[in-house]
Amino acid sequence: MSDPNATREQERLALQACLDAAKSPTERNRFGQFATPTDLAEDIVGYAAALAPSGAKLRFLDPAFGTGAFYSALLRIVPNERIAEAAGFEIDPHYGAAATNFWKDARFALTIADFTHAKPLPRFNVVICNPPYVRHHHLQNGDKAYLQARTLQLSGMKLSGLAGLYCHFLGLAHAWMTEGGIAGWLIPSEFMDVNYGEAVKRYLLDRVTLLHIHRFDPNDVQFADALVSSAIVWFRNEPPPADHEVKFSFGGTLGKPRMTRLISTRALAREPKWTRFPVADVRHRTEVPTLAEFFNIKRGIATGDNSFFILAEEEIVRRGLPMEVFTPILPSPRYLPVDEIRGLEDGSPDIDSRLFLLDTKLPEHEVRRRYPALADYLEEGKAKGLPQRYLCAHRSLWYGQEDRRAAPIVCTYLGRGDSRRGRPFRFILNGSRATVTNVYLALYPTPLMAREMDRNPGLLRRVWSALNELPHDVLLGEGRVYGGGLHKLEPRELGNVPAAFIAELLQRSSSVIRTEQLSLLAESPTERLATMKTRTSSPIPA
């Protein structure tokens, strides 16, 4: 005899597919509507039932119900007599009305309304939710201010304006929980690393007892239509005990992870990158120098519209535009197969795909007087509405670019852990005067480093080689990760990479220089001049 609850789940999945098909992927993405897969919902509900006190009646709440993936799992896993109450919220009538009709015969109360505006009823001892993944830029300013104030009021969590809607859901649900109640949140793992996640982590460490964070392998995206790396966060609504340890697991499933590690809350309070756990152990305080002590690291230029401001050499010639108002710029990493760029006599890169950035500080009337063809091209930009775009509108000249000189080493900003090159990030030796866009990080030597590089021209190449030989986990541990195994490094994160190897290279370089200086003193003036000329003949010595 077939299980009626299993049959019901198949019917619910058919309804979900029908409702999803009625909306475009873009629309569902904008409103963060990504349904929880059946197997994952079962794992989560089963885990929650095991965490709840044995025999305790469950009062279940799902603040982002959809069509009821978690409620359906609850009916299949938990005996009916153990479920004292079940309730949910769904803001979208497209799903809410269909779900109300679908579950009309169940002991369930679904409210079609915005959970963030509902009056809390603190009687639920099991809160399970896959909240909408709505990024902060899709929140209206008025809504954002309301959410920040409301979340602070109900949970003490002071979220920044960069926090996504899922952070507010987590904070607002605090007021709906009983003391000692269990919560399981299926949310993007990015909160574990980014600045806006600090408030969430502080809440998890100080206000409740954080039990377990399971992070899925980024290469195993949980939602087929959302490129996010997911985590399940479990906590109990009670103050944390002294010397508490939190379970971190990674990969596999919630019940059968690939690896597990216990981390003390004391260590978590000091660690800005929680995604390093459980793969890595606690980071101990050390005097090891970091990359930021040797390089100033900056994002490349955000042009405002690459398709307009960056032109191929052939296009510049075809339009009759003046080359003197353009500066060379490297193509995106996918079109740059080499890791070393040599410069031509004019300083432009010796590569096949030669691109140039429009960059002039001349006012428009002067452009019209000197370069009529360029003035006509700027008119094309005006017709596209470029002067009104955010970046362009906040410049003194809408077409003037940020002053950014070429960097001797640049690093790719995004990368995959399973890259065919075997490296998630590439360090590129730039012997040209080409600048880069914001798909790269530019590494500029600090005064100390620049001085040492002037004294020993071979030092730059050795540093570059060492950077490309860094173990993958060193770089991945400092960055952040998204669904599909996409990793990202921000300037500060790259700057945190341990760089004892550079200090060693500098020490060796100083020893070599002292030896060479003694050798020079023993040479005749003519021999000394010849030696010095040889050292400075190449911008990037082999």
Protein backbone atom coordinates (compact mmCIF):
# COMPACT_ATOMS: atom_id res chain seq x y z
CA MET A 1 0.00 0.00 0.00
CA SER A 2 1.45 3.37 -1.03
CA ASP A 3 2.25 6.03 1.53
CA PRO A 4 -0.32 8.85 1.16
CA ASN A 5 2.23 11.41 2.34
CA ALA A 6 4.73 10.26 -0.31
CA THR A 7 2.02 10.51 -2.96
CA ARG A 8 1.15 13.95 -1.65
CA GLU A 9 4.78 15.02 -2.07
CA GLN A 10 4.78 14.00 -5.73
CA GLU A 11 1.64 16.06 -6.24
CA ARG A 12 3.26 19.02 -4.47
CA LEU A 13 6.34 18.79 -6.71
CA ALA A 14 4.10 18.83 -9.80
CA LEU A 15 2.35 21.93 -8.45
CA GLN A 16 5.71 23.58 -7.71
CA ALA A 17 6.93 22.94 -11.25
CA CYS A 18 3.73 24.36 -12.72
CA LEU A 19 3.91 27.51 -10.58
CA ASP A 20 7.61 28.02 -11.31
CA ALA A 21 7.01 27.66 -15.06
CA ALA A 22 4.49 30.50 -14.92
CA LYS A 23 7.28 32.87 -13.84
CA SER A 24 10.46 33.78 -15.67
CA PRO A 25 13.78 32.72 -14.12
CA THR A 26 14.72 36.40 -13.91
CA GLU A 27 11.59 37.21 -11.90
CA ARG A 28 12.10 34.33 -9.47
CA ASN A 29 15.76 35.26 -9.11
CA ARG A 30 14.87 38.85 -8.28
CA PHE A 31 12.50 37.73 -5.51
CA GLY A 32 14.80 34.97 -4.28
CA GLN A 33 12.29 32.18 -4.95
CA PHE A 34 14.24 28.90 -5.02
CA ALA A 35 12.36 25.81 -3.91
CA THR A 36 14.04 23.34 -1.53
CA PRO A 37 14.67 19.88 -3.09
CA THR A 38 12.74 17.03 -1.49
CA ASP A 39 15.75 15.02 -0.27
CA LEU A 40 17.32 18.09 1.32
CA ALA A 41 14.03 19.05 3.02
CA GLU A 42 13.81 15.55 4.49
CA ASP A 43 17.39 15.69 5.78
CA ILE A 44 16.76 19.04 7.44
CA VAL A 45 13.44 18.12 9.06
CA GLY A 46 14.84 14.80 10.26
CA TYR A 47 17.82 16.58 11.82
CA ALA A 48 15.50 19.09 13.54
CA ALA A 49 13.35 16.30 14.97
CA ALA A 50 16.48 14.64 16.39
CA LEU A 51 17.60 17.90 18.02
CA ALA A 52 14.23 18.51 19.67
CA PRO A 53 13.74 16.97 23.15
CA SER A 54 12.57 13.36 22.90
CA GLY A 55 8.79 13.12 22.96
CA ALA A 56 8.30 16.88 22.94
CA LYS A 57 5.34 18.19 20.97
CA LEU A 58 6.52 20.18 17.98
CA ARG A 59 5.20 23.63 17.12
CA PHE A 60 6.54 24.19 13.62
CA LEU A 61 6.99 27.49 11.76
CA ASP A 62 8.22 28.14 8.21
CA PRO A 63 8.42 31.92 7.55
CA ALA A 64 8.96 31.43 3.78
CA PHE A 65 6.59 28.59 2.96
CA GLY A 66 6.43 28.46 -0.84
CA THR A 67 4.41 25.33 -1.56
CA GLY A 68 5.53 23.60 1.65
CA ALA A 69 8.66 21.49 1.05
CA PHE A 70 9.50 21.44 4.78
CA TYR A 71 5.93 20.89 5.95
CA SER A 72 5.54 18.00 3.53
CA ALA A 73 8.76 16.48 4.90
CA LEU A 74 7.49 17.01 8.45
CA LEU A 75 4.37 14.94 7.70
CA ARG A 76 6.46 12.11 6.24
CA ILE A 77 9.05 11.99 9.05
CA VAL A 78 7.35 13.01 12.31
CA PRO A 79 4.39 11.06 13.72
CA ASN A 80 1.19 13.04 13.41
CA GLU A 81 0.50 12.93 17.16
CA ARG A 82 3.82 14.69 17.84
CA ILE A 83 2.88 17.74 15.71
CA ALA A 84 0.99 20.15 17.98
CA GLU A 85 0.92 23.05 15.53
CA ALA A 86 2.21 24.01 12.09
CA ALA A 87 2.16 27.47 10.54
CA GLY A 88 3.79 29.38 7.74
CA PHE A 89 3.98 32.64 5.81
CA GLU A 90 4.13 33.23 2.07
CA ILE A 91 4.31 36.74 0.66
CA ASP A 92 3.58 35.85 -2.97
CA PRO A 93 -0.11 35.05 -3.66
CA HIS A 94 1.00 33.18 -6.80
CA TYR A 95 2.40 30.47 -4.54
CA GLY A 96 0.41 31.23 -1.40
CA ALA A 97 -3.06 30.81 -2.89
CA ALA A 98 -2.10 27.54 -4.60
CA ALA A 99 -0.48 26.23 -1.40
CA THR A 100 -3.53 27.18 0.69
CA ASN A 101 -5.75 25.17 -1.62
CA PHE A 102 -3.28 22.28 -1.77
CA TRP A 103 -3.04 21.93 2.03
CA LYS A 104 -6.68 22.80 2.80
CA ASP A 105 -7.31 19.43 4.45
CA ALA A 106 -4.16 19.54 6.60
CA ARG A 107 -3.81 20.86 10.15
CA PHE A 108 -1.83 23.82 8.96
CA ALA A 109 -2.27 27.61 9.10
CA LEU A 110 -0.78 29.46 6.12
CA THR A 111 -0.85 33.26 6.14
CA ILE A 112 -0.43 34.99 2.78
CA ALA A 113 1.42 38.06 3.99
CA ASP A 114 4.86 39.58 4.45
CA PHE A 115 6.51 37.81 7.38
CA THR A 116 8.73 40.83 8.07
CA HIS A 117 5.63 42.88 9.01
CA ALA A 118 3.85 40.22 11.07
CA LYS A 119 3.37 40.55 14.82
CA PRO A 120 5.53 37.90 16.57
CA LEU A 121 3.86 35.02 18.41
CA PRO A 122 6.66 33.43 20.47
CA ARG A 123 5.26 29.90 20.74
CA PHE A 124 7.19 27.92 18.10
CA ASN A 125 9.88 25.47 19.18
CA VAL A 126 10.95 24.40 15.67
CA VAL A 127 11.65 27.05 13.04
CA ILE A 128 12.86 25.78 9.68
CA CYS A 129 13.27 28.08 6.72
CA ASN A 130 14.79 28.54 3.31
CA PRO A 131 14.38 32.35 3.27
CA PRO A 132 14.23 34.39 0.07
CA TYR A 133 17.68 35.15 -1.27
CA VAL A 134 17.03 38.76 -2.21
CA ARG A 135 20.23 40.78 -2.47
CA HIS A 136 20.42 44.20 -0.83
CA HIS A 137 20.31 46.14 -4.12
CA HIS A 138 16.86 44.68 -4.83
CA LEU A 139 15.54 46.11 -1.56
CA GLN A 140 13.99 49.58 -1.70
CA ASN A 141 15.62 52.16 0.57
CA GLY A 142 12.49 52.58 2.65
CA ASP A 143 12.13 48.81 3.07
CA LYS A 144 15.80 48.50 3.93
CA ALA A 145 15.57 51.10 6.71
CA TYR A 146 12.45 49.42 8.13
CA LEU A 147 14.07 45.98 8.06
CA GLN A 148 17.21 47.24 9.78
CA ALA A 149 15.23 48.88 12.58
CA ARG A 150 12.83 45.95 12.99
CA THR A 151 15.60 43.33 13.03
CA LEU A 152 17.53 45.31 15.63
CA GLN A 153 14.42 45.63 17.77
CA LEU A 154 13.48 41.93 17.71
CA SER A 155 16.89 40.24 17.79
CA GLY A 156 19.52 42.84 18.70
CA MET A 157 21.16 42.20 15.32
CA LYS A 158 22.42 45.47 13.80
CA LEU A 159 22.64 44.69 10.11
CA SER A 160 24.30 46.90 7.54
CA GLY A 161 22.60 48.13 4.39
CA LEU A 162 24.51 45.48 2.42
CA ALA A 163 22.79 42.55 4.15
CA GLY A 164 20.45 40.45 2.05
CA LEU A 165 16.84 39.76 3.00
CA TYR A 166 17.71 36.31 4.35
CA CYS A 167 19.70 37.92 7.21
CA HIS A 168 16.64 39.91 8.26
CA PHE A 169 14.43 36.80 8.16
CA LEU A 170 16.83 35.02 10.50
CA GLY A 171 16.85 37.95 12.92
CA LEU A 172 13.10 38.61 12.85
CA ALA A 173 12.24 34.94 13.48
CA HIS A 174 14.02 35.17 16.85
CA ALA A 175 10.93 36.77 18.40
CA TRP A 176 8.73 33.86 17.25
CA MET A 177 10.76 31.18 19.05
CA THR A 178 10.19 29.68 22.48
CA GLU A 179 13.06 29.58 24.90
CA GLY A 180 15.10 26.51 24.04
CA GLY A 181 13.49 26.27 20.61
CA ILE A 182 15.44 24.85 17.63
CA ALA A 183 16.09 26.73 14.40
CA GLY A 184 17.48 25.43 11.11
CA TRP A 185 18.23 27.95 8.36
CA LEU A 186 19.16 27.02 4.80
CA ILE A 187 21.00 30.15 3.68
CA PRO A 188 23.87 31.27 1.44
CA SER A 189 27.23 30.58 3.07
CA GLU A 190 28.60 33.99 2.11
CA PHE A 191 27.56 35.46 5.47
CA MET A 192 30.42 33.43 6.98
CA ASP A 193 33.04 35.56 5.21
CA VAL A 194 31.68 38.97 4.22
CA ASN A 195 31.63 42.14 6.29
CA TYR A 196 27.83 42.37 6.54
CA GLY A 197 27.82 38.86 7.99
CA GLU A 198 29.63 40.06 11.13
CA ALA A 199 26.33 41.01 12.77
CA VAL A 200 24.84 37.59 11.98
CA LYS A 201 27.89 35.81 13.42
CA ARG A 202 27.80 37.97 16.54
CA TYR A 203 24.13 37.01 17.04
CA LEU A 204 24.97 33.34 16.61
CA LEU A 205 27.78 33.53 19.15
CA ASP A 206 26.23 35.81 21.78
CA ARG A 207 22.44 35.62 21.64
CA VAL A 208 21.81 31.92 20.97
CA THR A 209 23.67 28.62 21.23
CA LEU A 210 25.12 27.85 17.82
CA LEU A 211 25.05 24.07 17.39
CA HIS A 212 26.13 23.16 13.89
CA ILE A 213 26.94 24.73 10.52
CA HIS A 214 27.01 22.35 7.59
CA ARG A 215 28.42 23.80 4.37
CA PHE A 216 27.76 22.06 1.09
CA ASP A 217 30.54 21.57 -1.41
CA PRO A 218 30.36 24.66 -3.68
CA ASN A 219 30.62 22.36 -6.71
CA ASP A 220 27.33 20.78 -5.63
CA VAL A 221 24.84 23.62 -6.05
CA GLN A 222 21.72 22.82 -4.03
CA PHE A 223 19.40 24.82 -6.23
CA ALA A 224 19.61 24.18 -9.97
CA ASP A 225 18.57 27.75 -10.79
CA ALA A 226 20.59 29.67 -8.18
CA LEU A 227 24.36 30.02 -8.20
CA VAL A 228 24.78 30.24 -4.45
CA SER A 229 26.85 28.14 -2.11
CA SER A 230 24.57 26.94 0.65
CA ALA A 231 24.92 26.27 4.36
CA ILE A 232 22.54 24.98 7.01
CA VAL A 233 22.80 26.84 10.31
CA TRP A 234 21.45 25.21 13.48
CA PHE A 235 21.02 26.89 16.83
CA ARG A 236 19.02 26.68 20.04
CA ASN A 237 17.31 29.75 21.45
CA GLU A 238 19.20 29.96 24.72
CA PRO A 239 22.41 31.66 25.89
CA PRO A 240 25.59 29.76 24.98
CA PRO A 241 27.30 27.78 27.75
CA ALA A 242 30.88 28.53 28.77
CA ASP A 243 33.61 26.89 26.66
CA HIS A 244 31.05 25.90 24.03
CA GLU A 245 32.16 24.18 20.82
CA VAL A 246 30.35 24.32 17.49
CA LYS A 247 30.21 21.49 14.99
CA PHE A 248 31.36 22.47 11.48
CA SER A 249 30.88 19.99 8.65
CA PHE A 250 31.51 20.12 4.92
CA GLY A 251 30.54 18.21 1.79
CA GLY A 252 28.34 15.18 1.41
CA THR A 253 24.99 15.50 3.14
CA LEU A 254 23.86 16.95 6.44
CA GLY A 255 23.71 13.50 7.99
CA LYS A 256 26.83 12.13 6.26
CA PRO A 257 29.32 14.98 5.74
CA ARG A 258 32.75 14.39 4.20
CA MET A 259 34.52 16.06 7.11
CA THR A 260 33.71 17.43 10.55
CA ARG A 261 35.53 19.54 13.13
CA LEU A 262 34.59 21.08 16.49
CA ILE A 263 35.54 24.77 16.86
CA SER A 264 35.30 26.74 20.09
CA THR A 265 33.18 29.88 20.14
CA ARG A 266 36.24 31.69 21.47
CA ALA A 267 38.13 30.85 18.27
CA LEU A 268 35.11 31.74 16.12
CA ALA A 269 34.93 35.18 17.70
CA ARG A 270 38.48 35.87 16.49
CA GLU A 271 38.17 34.36 13.01
CA PRO A 272 36.76 36.53 10.18
CA LYS A 273 36.58 33.62 7.69
CA TRP A 274 34.31 30.88 8.97
CA THR A 275 34.34 28.98 5.67
CA ARG A 276 37.90 27.84 6.49
CA PHE A 277 36.26 25.34 8.85
CA PRO A 278 36.26 22.35 8.95
CA VAL A 279 38.84 21.97 6.16
CA ALA A 280 41.38 24.03 8.12
CA ASP A 281 42.00 24.22 11.83
CA VAL A 282 41.91 27.31 14.04
CA ARG A 283 44.25 30.03 12.84
CA HIS A 284 46.74 30.82 15.57
CA ARG A 285 48.06 34.31 16.06
CA THR A 286 51.41 34.65 14.38
CA GLU A 287 53.99 37.19 13.37
CA VAL A 288 54.18 35.83 9.81
CA PRO A 289 54.07 38.78 7.38
CA THR A 290 51.23 39.07 4.90
CA LEU A 291 51.12 40.10 1.25
CA ALA A 292 49.73 43.51 2.25
CA GLU A 293 53.06 44.33 3.91
CA PHE A 294 54.80 44.14 0.54
CA PHE A 295 52.11 45.22 -1.94
CA ASN A 296 49.28 47.75 -2.00
CA ILE A 297 46.45 45.78 -3.58
CA LYS A 298 43.63 47.51 -5.46
CA ARG A 299 40.75 46.47 -7.67
CA GLY A 300 41.16 47.36 -11.33
CA ILE A 301 39.24 50.17 -12.97
CA ALA A 302 35.44 50.16 -13.17
CA THR A 303 34.94 51.97 -16.47
CA GLY A 304 31.18 52.45 -16.37
CA ASP A 305 30.71 50.62 -19.69
CA ASN A 306 33.50 48.44 -21.03
CA SER A 307 31.85 48.10 -24.42
CA PHE A 308 32.06 51.87 -24.94
CA PHE A 309 35.25 52.89 -23.14
CA ILE A 310 37.44 49.94 -24.19
CA LEU A 311 38.16 49.61 -27.90
CA ALA A 312 40.25 47.29 -30.00
CA GLU A 313 43.16 48.85 -31.85
CA GLU A 314 41.46 48.18 -35.20
CA GLU A 315 38.30 49.98 -34.08
CA ILE A 316 40.27 53.05 -33.01
CA VAL A 317 41.94 53.19 -36.42
CA ARG A 318 38.69 52.58 -38.28
CA ARG A 319 36.97 55.45 -36.49
CA GLY A 320 39.92 57.78 -36.89
CA LEU A 321 40.18 58.36 -33.14
CA PRO A 322 43.36 59.89 -31.67
CA MET A 323 45.56 57.22 -30.07
CA GLU A 324 46.97 59.76 -27.60
CA VAL A 325 43.72 59.77 -25.60
CA PHE A 326 43.86 56.00 -25.12
CA THR A 327 45.89 53.94 -22.69
CA PRO A 328 46.58 50.20 -23.08
CA ILE A 329 44.50 47.84 -20.98
CA LEU A 330 44.66 44.07 -20.61
CA PRO A 331 41.77 41.93 -21.87
CA SER A 332 39.76 39.83 -19.42
CA PRO A 333 41.52 36.67 -18.15
CA ARG A 334 39.62 34.35 -20.48
CA TYR A 335 41.20 36.14 -23.45
CA LEU A 336 44.66 36.24 -21.91
CA PRO A 337 46.19 32.76 -22.24
CA VAL A 338 49.67 33.74 -21.04
CA ASP A 339 50.87 34.56 -17.51
CA GLU A 340 53.66 36.90 -18.57
CA ILE A 341 53.10 40.07 -20.59
CA ARG A 342 55.99 41.72 -22.35
CA GLY A 343 55.79 45.32 -23.48
CA LEU A 344 56.41 46.73 -26.95
CA GLU A 345 58.46 49.87 -27.50
CA ASP A 346 55.41 52.09 -26.98
CA GLY A 347 54.60 50.30 -23.70
CA SER A 348 51.55 48.47 -25.05
CA PRO A 349 51.34 44.72 -24.33
CA ASP A 350 52.80 42.27 -26.84
CA ILE A 351 49.64 40.14 -27.13
CA ASP A 352 47.19 39.28 -29.90
CA SER A 353 44.13 40.94 -28.38
CA ARG A 354 45.30 44.53 -27.93
CA LEU A 355 42.75 46.77 -26.24
CA PHE A 356 42.83 50.43 -25.26
CA LEU A 357 40.94 52.45 -22.65
CA LEU A 358 39.50 55.85 -23.56
CA ASP A 359 40.88 58.19 -20.94
CA THR A 360 41.16 61.91 -21.39
CA LYS A 361 40.83 64.80 -18.96
CA LEU A 362 40.06 67.34 -21.71
CA PRO A 363 36.68 69.10 -21.35
CA GLU A 364 34.15 68.47 -24.12
CA HIS A 365 34.60 71.81 -25.86
CA GLU A 366 38.34 71.15 -26.09
CA VAL A 367 37.71 67.62 -27.36
CA ARG A 368 35.47 69.09 -30.08
CA ARG A 369 38.13 71.62 -31.07
CA ARG A 370 41.04 69.19 -31.16
CA TYR A 371 39.46 65.86 -32.02
CA PRO A 372 36.14 66.10 -33.92
CA ALA A 373 35.99 62.32 -34.47
CA LEU A 374 36.32 61.72 -30.72
CA ALA A 375 33.62 64.32 -30.01
CA ASP A 376 31.29 62.45 -32.36
CA TYR A 377 32.08 59.21 -30.52
CA LEU A 378 31.24 60.83 -27.17
CA GLU A 379 27.90 61.83 -28.64
CA GLU A 380 27.23 58.15 -29.25
CA GLY A 381 27.85 57.56 -25.56
CA LYS A 382 25.40 60.30 -24.65
CA ALA A 383 22.78 58.70 -26.88
CA LYS A 384 23.23 55.47 -24.89
CA GLY A 385 22.60 57.39 -21.66
CA LEU A 386 26.09 56.83 -20.27
CA PRO A 387 26.42 60.25 -18.56
CA GLN A 388 23.39 59.34 -16.40
CA ARG A 389 24.78 56.00 -15.22
CA TYR A 390 25.99 55.87 -11.64
CA LEU A 391 29.75 55.74 -12.17
CA CYS A 392 29.80 58.22 -15.04
CA ALA A 393 27.45 60.63 -13.28
CA HIS A 394 29.77 60.82 -10.24
CA ARG A 395 32.84 61.86 -12.23
CA SER A 396 33.89 65.43 -12.96
CA LEU A 397 33.96 64.35 -16.62
CA TRP A 398 31.61 61.50 -17.38
CA TYR A 399 34.14 59.96 -19.75
CA GLY A 400 37.22 60.52 -17.54
CA GLN A 401 38.65 57.39 -15.94
CA GLU A 402 40.23 56.85 -12.55
CA ASP A 403 43.99 57.44 -12.54
CA ARG A 404 45.47 53.96 -12.26
CA ARG A 405 48.99 53.22 -13.41
CA ALA A 406 50.08 49.81 -14.63
CA ALA A 407 50.88 47.27 -11.91
CA PRO A 408 53.89 44.93 -12.28
CA ILE A 409 51.80 41.98 -11.05
CA VAL A 410 48.06 41.48 -11.44
CA CYS A 411 45.87 38.70 -10.07
CA THR A 412 42.62 37.34 -11.44
CA TYR A 413 39.69 38.31 -9.24
CA LEU A 414 37.54 35.22 -9.83
CA GLY A 415 38.51 31.58 -10.26
CA ARG A 416 37.32 28.03 -9.94
CA GLY A 417 38.84 25.42 -7.66
CA ASP A 418 38.71 22.87 -10.48
CA SER A 419 40.31 25.14 -13.08
CA ARG A 420 41.91 23.26 -15.98
CA ARG A 421 45.08 25.24 -15.26
CA GLY A 422 45.18 23.63 -11.85
CA ARG A 423 45.08 27.06 -10.15
CA PRO A 424 41.96 28.93 -9.05
CA PHE A 425 43.73 32.29 -9.33
CA ARG A 426 46.45 33.43 -11.72
CA PHE A 427 49.23 35.90 -10.99
CA ILE A 428 50.32 37.64 -14.19
CA LEU A 429 53.66 39.39 -14.64
CA ASN A 430 52.95 42.65 -16.44
CA GLY A 431 55.96 44.10 -18.26
CA SER A 432 53.82 46.57 -20.21
CA ARG A 433 52.20 49.81 -19.15
CA ALA A 434 48.72 48.34 -19.58
CA THR A 435 46.27 48.92 -16.76
CA VAL A 436 43.45 46.51 -15.88
CA THR A 437 39.69 46.49 -15.31
CA ASN A 438 38.01 45.34 -12.11
CA VAL A 439 38.16 41.67 -13.08
CA TYR A 440 41.75 41.85 -11.82
CA LEU A 441 43.48 42.85 -8.61
CA ALA A 442 46.51 45.09 -9.13
CA LEU A 443 49.56 44.60 -6.89
CA TYR A 444 51.66 47.75 -6.43
CA PRO A 445 54.93 47.38 -4.50
CA THR A 446 55.15 49.25 -1.20
CA PRO A 447 58.04 51.76 -0.97
CA LEU A 448 60.17 49.14 0.80
CA MET A 449 59.42 46.54 -1.85
CA ALA A 450 59.96 48.99 -4.70
CA ARG A 451 63.33 49.97 -3.25
CA GLU A 452 64.41 46.33 -3.04
CA MET A 453 63.19 45.69 -6.59
CA ASP A 454 65.26 48.64 -7.84
CA ARG A 455 68.31 47.24 -6.08
CA ASN A 456 67.71 43.71 -7.38
CA PRO A 457 65.84 43.68 -10.74
CA GLY A 458 65.43 39.89 -10.61
CA LEU A 459 63.42 40.03 -7.38
CA LEU A 460 60.08 40.80 -9.09
CA ARG A 461 60.22 37.67 -11.23
CA ARG A 462 61.07 35.49 -8.23
CA VAL A 463 58.15 36.93 -6.23
CA TRP A 464 55.80 36.36 -9.18
CA SER A 465 56.93 32.74 -9.53
CA ALA A 466 56.48 32.16 -5.79
CA LEU A 467 52.96 33.62 -5.87
CA ASN A 468 51.94 31.19 -8.61
CA GLU A 469 53.33 28.32 -6.55
CA LEU A 470 51.26 29.12 -3.45
CA PRO A 471 49.19 26.11 -2.30
CA HIS A 472 45.60 26.38 -3.50
CA ASP A 473 44.12 26.19 -0.03
CA VAL A 474 46.13 29.22 1.12
CA LEU A 475 44.37 31.46 -1.41
CA LEU A 476 40.99 29.74 -1.19
CA GLY A 477 41.05 29.99 2.59
CA GLU A 478 41.27 33.79 2.45
CA GLY A 479 38.65 34.32 -0.27
CA ARG A 480 34.96 33.57 -0.50
CA VAL A 481 33.09 30.95 -2.50
CA TYR A 482 29.87 30.83 -4.52
CA GLY A 483 27.82 28.05 -6.06
CA GLY A 484 29.41 25.95 -8.76
CA GLY A 485 32.84 26.28 -7.12
CA LEU A 486 33.36 29.92 -8.10
CA HIS A 487 35.88 31.61 -5.78
CA LYS A 488 36.46 35.34 -5.34
CA LEU A 489 39.27 37.37 -3.78
CA GLU A 490 38.83 40.95 -2.63
CA PRO A 491 41.91 43.19 -2.18
CA ARG A 492 41.91 42.89 1.60
CA GLU A 493 41.52 39.12 1.40
CA LEU A 494 44.47 38.76 -0.96
CA GLY A 495 46.42 41.07 1.34
CA ASN A 496 45.84 38.64 4.23
CA VAL A 497 47.66 35.81 2.46
CA PRO A 498 50.77 34.78 4.47
CA ALA A 499 53.90 35.98 2.67
CA ALA A 500 56.89 34.73 4.67
CA PHE A 501 58.33 33.60 1.32
CA ILE A 502 58.70 37.23 0.23
CA ALA A 503 60.53 38.12 3.42
CA GLU A 504 62.89 35.20 2.73
CA LEU A 505 63.42 36.39 -0.86
CA LEU A 506 64.19 39.89 0.40
CA GLN A 507 66.67 38.52 2.91
CA ARG A 508 68.40 36.48 0.22
CA SER A 509 68.31 39.45 -2.16
CA SER A 510 70.03 41.68 0.40
CA SER A 511 72.77 39.09 0.87
CA VAL A 512 73.30 38.81 -2.89
CA ILE A 513 73.38 42.60 -3.28
CA ARG A 514 75.99 42.97 -0.54
CA THR A 515 78.16 40.34 -2.25
CA GLU A 516 77.76 42.05 -5.62
CA GLN A 517 78.60 45.43 -4.15
CA LEU A 518 81.87 44.03 -2.82
CA SER A 519 82.60 42.54 -6.25
CA LEU A 520 81.92 45.90 -7.93
CA LEU A 521 84.37 47.65 -5.65
CA ALA A 522 87.07 45.28 -6.90
CA GLU A 523 86.33 46.06 -10.57
CA SER A 524 87.82 48.83 -12.64
CA PRO A 525 85.54 51.85 -13.40
CA THR A 526 85.05 50.64 -17.01
CA GLU A 527 84.11 47.10 -15.90
CA ARG A 528 81.78 48.49 -13.21
CA LEU A 529 79.90 50.62 -15.77
CA ALA A 530 79.49 47.65 -18.12
CA THR A 531 78.10 45.49 -15.27
CA MET A 532 75.54 48.14 -14.26
CA LYS A 533 74.38 48.61 -17.87
CA THR A 534 73.80 44.87 -18.18
CA ARG A 535 71.60 44.86 -15.05
CA THR A 536 69.29 47.58 -16.32
CA SER A 537 68.92 46.42 -19.94
CA SER A 538 65.62 44.52 -19.41
CA PRO A 539 62.46 45.75 -17.59
CA ILE A 540 61.67 42.24 -16.34
CA PRO A 541 64.85 40.21 -16.08
CA ALA A 542 64.71 36.52 -16.86
